[in-house]
Amino acid sequence: MNAAGEAWREANRAMWDERVPIHAASRFYDQDGFRAGGGDVNAFEAEEVGDVTGKSLVHLQCHMGQDTLSWARRGASRVVGLDFSEPAVEVARGLAEEIGFGPERASFVVADVYDAREALDGAVFDIVYTGLGALCWLPDLDRWAEVVASLVAPGGFLYLAEFHPLCDALDWDTGTRFTRDYLATDPMVDDDGGTYTDGPQDTVNNLSYQRTHPIGQVVTALAANGLRVDFLHERDWTLFGHFGSLKPTDRGYEQPPGTPRAPLMYSLKASKS
């Protein structure tokens, strides 16, 4: 759990808090378009999760809540978003109100994901959802899986969509050579400024800690906590330009023809019987 003591959490929180207003104003998140009815979860996620009509859903590490609210638009009877960034949750609550979802249909909670059971008063959900770019911010996958399993109602499931951890180990230029240990346990410490949304940004709180969580670690942690893996899908395309060699396509980003392929994203469903 240790990454410079508990400094990892406060560093990451300060980094995300500062970036919330940048993200909220960005073309990347297009909140005006979302308010007007646009935006949605990714098509492959909607297909794999299936019909959510009448189901309850909790979105862990929800950031500003747009995916959370998209599940409500798709018919979920109740959605709850949880994130450790108070500014992000404030934006999410504002969005929910603006598009007509009251707190009985869509609510948002400020809490660390490891404290989700207590923060949600022991509630369980038909679907526990975690979207792209979430697990890398957590140092302890066993503890995460324990929390996740406690939130899944009997007969419910976890759905996880993530960038493939192999991307952390491959070189930036081509994505075909190992430059970092795939099984590394030490944190990736970064202090670069800016963010992943539109254009360069001047930022102050830049220190962050991330971790690589190999696929085997994810699956084993979930199985050890009583969840049955229904599927694990690896994809040779992604929604983020991890490598300079990736080319935009109608699906996202892919390696050019003739380049050795590596998995760039994965998705997983794990059920509680």
Protein backbone atom coordinates (compact mmCIF):
# COMPACT_ATOMS: atom_id res chain seq x y z
CA MET A 1 0.00 0.00 0.00
CA ASN A 2 2.90 2.29 0.67
CA ALA A 3 4.04 4.76 -1.98
CA ALA A 4 6.08 7.34 -0.10
CA GLY A 5 3.89 6.59 2.92
CA GLU A 6 0.39 7.82 2.21
CA ALA A 7 1.70 10.74 0.14
CA TRP A 8 0.47 9.10 -3.06
CA ARG A 9 -3.17 9.76 -2.18
CA GLU A 10 -2.85 13.43 -1.36
CA ALA A 11 -0.57 14.08 -4.33
CA ASN A 12 -3.02 12.39 -6.69
CA ARG A 13 -5.98 14.18 -5.16
CA ALA A 14 -4.33 17.60 -5.48
CA MET A 15 -3.44 16.82 -9.09
CA TRP A 16 -7.01 15.81 -9.98
CA ASP A 17 -8.63 18.66 -8.03
CA GLU A 18 -6.66 21.23 -9.99
CA ARG A 19 -7.59 19.66 -13.33
CA VAL A 20 -11.35 19.52 -12.75
CA PRO A 21 -12.11 23.07 -14.01
CA ILE A 22 -9.79 22.50 -16.99
CA HIS A 23 -11.63 19.30 -17.86
CA ALA A 24 -15.07 20.82 -17.28
CA ALA A 25 -14.29 23.61 -19.79
CA SER A 26 -12.63 21.34 -22.35
CA ARG A 27 -13.76 20.22 -25.79
CA PHE A 28 -12.66 16.74 -24.75
CA TYR A 29 -15.51 16.41 -22.23
CA ASP A 30 -17.89 18.72 -24.15
CA GLN A 31 -20.21 19.34 -21.25
CA ASP A 32 -22.43 21.68 -23.28
CA GLY A 33 -22.99 18.87 -25.74
CA PHE A 34 -23.68 16.49 -22.86
CA ARG A 35 -26.26 18.85 -21.41
CA ALA A 36 -27.92 18.94 -24.84
CA GLY A 37 -28.25 15.15 -24.91
CA GLY A 38 -24.95 14.12 -26.48
CA GLY A 39 -22.19 11.98 -25.07
CA ASP A 40 -22.55 8.40 -23.92
CA VAL A 41 -20.55 5.48 -22.63
CA ASN A 42 -18.41 3.77 -25.25
CA ALA A 43 -20.33 1.55 -27.64
CA PHE A 44 -18.42 -1.59 -26.66
CA GLU A 45 -19.20 -0.94 -22.99
CA ALA A 46 -22.91 -0.51 -23.66
CA GLU A 47 -22.95 -3.74 -25.66
CA GLU A 48 -21.07 -5.78 -23.06
CA VAL A 49 -22.98 -4.45 -20.04
CA GLY A 50 -26.30 -4.95 -21.79
CA ASP A 51 -29.68 -3.52 -20.89
CA VAL A 52 -29.52 -1.60 -17.61
CA THR A 53 -33.21 -0.73 -17.46
CA GLY A 54 -34.44 -0.87 -13.88
CA LYS A 55 -31.03 -1.76 -12.45
CA SER A 56 -28.96 0.00 -9.82
CA LEU A 57 -25.37 0.96 -10.68
CA VAL A 58 -22.43 2.42 -8.80
CA HIS A 59 -19.58 4.02 -10.72
CA LEU A 60 -16.30 3.96 -8.82
CA GLN A 61 -13.75 6.72 -9.55
CA CYS A 62 -16.39 8.57 -11.57
CA HIS A 63 -14.51 11.88 -12.07
CA MET A 64 -17.14 14.44 -13.23
CA GLY A 65 -19.91 11.89 -13.61
CA GLN A 66 -20.71 11.97 -17.30
CA ASP A 67 -20.46 8.20 -17.75
CA THR A 68 -22.42 7.73 -14.51
CA LEU A 69 -25.24 9.90 -15.83
CA SER A 70 -25.08 8.19 -19.22
CA TRP A 71 -26.08 4.93 -17.52
CA ALA A 72 -29.05 6.75 -15.98
CA ARG A 73 -30.00 8.00 -19.44
CA ARG A 74 -29.81 4.41 -20.61
CA GLY A 75 -32.46 3.43 -18.08
CA ALA A 76 -30.71 2.52 -14.84
CA SER A 77 -33.17 3.04 -11.99
CA ARG A 78 -30.53 4.50 -9.69
CA VAL A 79 -26.92 5.48 -10.26
CA VAL A 80 -24.34 6.54 -7.71
CA GLY A 81 -20.98 8.04 -8.61
CA LEU A 82 -18.09 7.99 -6.16
CA ASP A 83 -14.84 9.94 -6.46
CA PHE A 84 -12.22 11.25 -4.05
CA SER A 85 -12.13 14.70 -5.70
CA GLU A 86 -14.66 17.07 -4.16
CA PRO A 87 -14.49 19.55 -7.08
CA ALA A 88 -15.21 16.70 -9.51
CA VAL A 89 -18.22 15.56 -7.48
CA GLU A 90 -19.53 19.13 -7.32
CA VAL A 91 -19.41 19.30 -11.13
CA ALA A 92 -21.18 15.93 -11.37
CA ARG A 93 -23.96 17.01 -9.02
CA GLY A 94 -24.45 20.18 -11.03
CA LEU A 95 -24.66 18.22 -14.28
CA ALA A 96 -27.20 15.82 -12.81
CA GLU A 97 -29.43 18.68 -11.74
CA GLU A 98 -29.09 20.45 -15.09
CA ILE A 99 -30.19 17.41 -17.09
CA GLY A 100 -33.09 16.64 -14.77
CA PHE A 101 -31.91 13.83 -12.51
CA GLY A 102 -32.69 14.35 -8.84
CA PRO A 103 -30.63 12.75 -6.06
CA GLU A 104 -33.04 9.82 -5.76
CA ARG A 105 -32.10 8.84 -9.35
CA ALA A 106 -28.49 10.05 -9.59
CA SER A 107 -26.35 10.91 -6.58
CA PHE A 108 -22.65 11.52 -6.07
CA VAL A 109 -20.45 10.83 -3.06
CA VAL A 110 -17.02 12.21 -2.13
CA ALA A 111 -14.92 9.29 -0.88
CA ASP A 112 -11.78 7.32 -1.56
CA VAL A 113 -12.61 4.11 -3.41
CA TYR A 114 -11.14 2.07 -0.57
CA ASP A 115 -13.75 3.63 1.75
CA ALA A 116 -16.68 3.01 -0.59
CA ARG A 117 -18.48 0.46 1.62
CA GLU A 118 -18.66 2.85 4.54
CA ALA A 119 -19.37 5.91 2.38
CA LEU A 120 -22.30 4.10 0.72
CA ASP A 121 -23.67 2.79 4.04
CA GLY A 122 -23.30 -0.83 3.03
CA ALA A 123 -25.49 -0.53 -0.08
CA VAL A 124 -25.19 -3.15 -2.82
CA PHE A 125 -25.80 -2.70 -6.53
CA ASP A 126 -26.80 -4.76 -9.55
CA ILE A 127 -23.82 -3.35 -11.45
CA VAL A 128 -20.48 -2.05 -10.20
CA TYR A 129 -18.85 -0.11 -13.03
CA THR A 130 -15.30 1.17 -13.42
CA GLY A 131 -14.22 2.94 -16.62
CA LEU A 132 -11.01 3.60 -18.49
CA GLY A 133 -8.00 4.99 -16.66
CA ALA A 134 -9.02 4.18 -13.08
CA LEU A 135 -7.05 1.21 -11.74
CA CYS A 136 -3.62 2.73 -12.37
CA TRP A 137 -4.26 5.24 -9.55
CA LEU A 138 -4.69 2.51 -6.92
CA PRO A 139 -1.74 0.84 -5.17
CA ASP A 140 -3.57 -2.15 -3.66
CA LEU A 141 -5.65 -4.30 -6.06
CA ASP A 142 -6.49 -6.94 -3.44
CA ARG A 143 -8.11 -4.31 -1.24
CA TRP A 144 -9.91 -2.82 -4.27
CA ALA A 145 -11.32 -6.23 -5.23
CA GLU A 146 -12.53 -6.81 -1.68
CA VAL A 147 -14.41 -3.49 -1.76
CA VAL A 148 -15.82 -4.18 -5.23
CA ALA A 149 -17.10 -7.62 -4.23
CA SER A 150 -18.81 -6.15 -1.17
CA LEU A 151 -20.74 -3.72 -3.41
CA VAL A 152 -22.04 -6.31 -5.88
CA ALA A 153 -25.54 -7.56 -5.05
CA PRO A 154 -26.23 -11.33 -5.33
CA GLY A 155 -26.83 -11.98 -9.02
CA GLY A 156 -25.08 -8.73 -9.95
CA PHE A 157 -21.73 -8.11 -11.56
CA LEU A 158 -18.67 -5.92 -11.90
CA TYR A 159 -17.95 -4.47 -15.32
CA LEU A 160 -14.46 -3.10 -15.83
CA ALA A 161 -13.09 -1.42 -18.97
CA GLU A 162 -9.42 -0.45 -18.85
CA PHE A 163 -6.33 0.44 -20.80
CA HIS A 164 -4.17 -2.65 -21.03
CA PRO A 165 -1.32 -2.66 -18.48
CA LEU A 166 1.07 -3.83 -21.20
CA CYS A 167 0.96 -0.25 -22.54
CA ASP A 168 2.91 0.86 -19.46
CA ALA A 169 5.80 -1.42 -20.39
CA LEU A 170 6.19 -0.63 -24.10
CA ASP A 171 8.21 2.16 -25.71
CA TRP A 172 6.54 5.45 -26.56
CA ASP A 173 7.72 5.64 -30.18
CA THR A 174 6.57 2.30 -31.61
CA GLY A 175 4.80 0.34 -28.88
CA THR A 176 6.75 -2.77 -29.91
CA ARG A 177 9.68 -2.89 -27.45
CA PHE A 178 9.73 -3.40 -23.70
CA THR A 179 11.23 -0.42 -21.89
CA ARG A 180 9.75 -1.13 -18.44
CA ASP A 181 9.11 -4.27 -16.44
CA TYR A 182 5.51 -5.41 -17.03
CA LEU A 183 5.56 -7.02 -13.59
CA ALA A 184 7.05 -4.00 -11.83
CA THR A 185 5.63 -3.27 -8.38
CA ASP A 186 7.16 0.16 -7.86
CA PRO A 187 5.01 3.24 -8.59
CA MET A 188 5.43 5.32 -11.71
CA VAL A 189 6.10 8.79 -10.31
CA ASP A 190 5.37 11.69 -12.64
CA ASP A 191 5.67 15.44 -12.21
CA ASP A 192 4.88 16.64 -15.72
CA GLY A 193 2.47 19.55 -16.01
CA GLY A 194 -0.68 19.77 -18.10
CA THR A 195 -3.38 17.21 -18.69
CA TYR A 196 -4.81 14.94 -21.39
CA THR A 197 -7.52 17.32 -22.58
CA ASP A 198 -7.29 20.12 -25.15
CA GLY A 199 -3.94 21.80 -25.62
CA PRO A 200 -1.15 22.69 -23.17
CA GLN A 201 -2.17 23.92 -19.72
CA ASP A 202 -0.20 25.60 -16.94
CA THR A 203 -0.67 23.53 -13.80
CA VAL A 204 0.90 23.65 -10.34
CA ASN A 205 0.02 20.33 -8.67
CA ASN A 206 1.77 17.93 -11.01
CA LEU A 207 3.17 15.18 -8.80
CA SER A 208 1.31 11.87 -9.23
CA TYR A 209 1.73 8.18 -8.47
CA GLN A 210 0.47 5.43 -10.76
CA ARG A 211 0.80 1.63 -10.76
CA THR A 212 0.81 -1.13 -13.32
CA HIS A 213 -1.63 -3.93 -12.50
CA PRO A 214 -1.06 -6.99 -14.73
CA ILE A 215 -4.15 -8.81 -15.97
CA GLY A 216 -3.38 -11.86 -13.85
CA GLN A 217 -3.36 -9.71 -10.71
CA VAL A 218 -6.77 -8.24 -11.53
CA VAL A 219 -8.39 -11.61 -12.27
CA THR A 220 -6.86 -13.32 -9.24
CA ALA A 221 -7.92 -10.54 -6.86
CA LEU A 222 -11.53 -10.72 -8.07
CA ALA A 223 -11.65 -14.52 -7.91
CA ALA A 224 -10.18 -14.51 -4.40
CA ASN A 225 -13.11 -12.33 -3.33
CA GLY A 226 -15.81 -14.61 -4.68
CA LEU A 227 -16.48 -13.14 -8.12
CA ARG A 228 -16.66 -15.40 -11.18
CA VAL A 229 -15.06 -14.02 -14.34
CA ASP A 230 -17.60 -14.30 -17.18
CA PHE A 231 -15.35 -12.86 -19.87
CA LEU A 232 -12.06 -11.08 -20.43
CA HIS A 233 -11.73 -9.35 -23.79
CA GLU A 234 -8.44 -7.87 -25.01
CA ARG A 235 -8.48 -5.33 -27.85
CA ASP A 236 -5.83 -4.33 -30.36
CA TRP A 237 -7.21 -0.77 -30.51
CA THR A 238 -7.57 1.94 -27.92
CA LEU A 239 -9.15 5.31 -27.19
CA PHE A 240 -5.88 6.95 -26.14
CA GLY A 241 -2.73 7.62 -28.15
CA HIS A 242 -0.34 5.64 -25.95
CA PHE A 243 2.32 5.41 -28.66
CA GLY A 244 3.53 7.78 -31.34
CA SER A 245 3.04 5.08 -33.95
CA LEU A 246 -0.71 4.69 -33.38
CA LYS A 247 -2.98 5.94 -36.15
CA PRO A 248 -6.56 7.22 -35.75
CA THR A 249 -9.25 4.95 -37.16
CA ASP A 250 -13.04 4.82 -36.99
CA ARG A 251 -12.70 2.80 -33.75
CA GLY A 252 -10.01 4.86 -32.03
CA TYR A 253 -6.26 4.32 -32.39
CA GLU A 254 -4.52 1.30 -33.92
CA GLN A 255 -1.05 0.23 -34.94
CA PRO A 256 -0.32 0.69 -38.66
CA PRO A 257 -0.67 -2.42 -40.87
CA GLY A 258 2.36 -4.68 -40.59
CA THR A 259 3.24 -3.60 -37.03
CA PRO A 260 3.26 -6.40 -34.43
CA ARG A 261 0.05 -6.04 -32.46
CA ALA A 262 -0.23 -5.85 -28.70
CA PRO A 263 -3.41 -5.62 -26.60
CA LEU A 264 -4.18 -1.96 -25.89
CA MET A 265 -7.45 -2.17 -23.95
CA TYR A 266 -9.36 -4.86 -22.12
CA SER A 267 -12.77 -5.35 -20.59
CA LEU A 268 -13.94 -7.79 -17.95
CA LYS A 269 -17.21 -8.91 -16.42
CA ALA A 270 -17.25 -10.73 -13.09
CA SER A 271 -20.44 -11.95 -11.43
CA LYS A 272 -21.61 -12.81 -7.93
CA SER A 273 -23.75 -15.95 -7.81
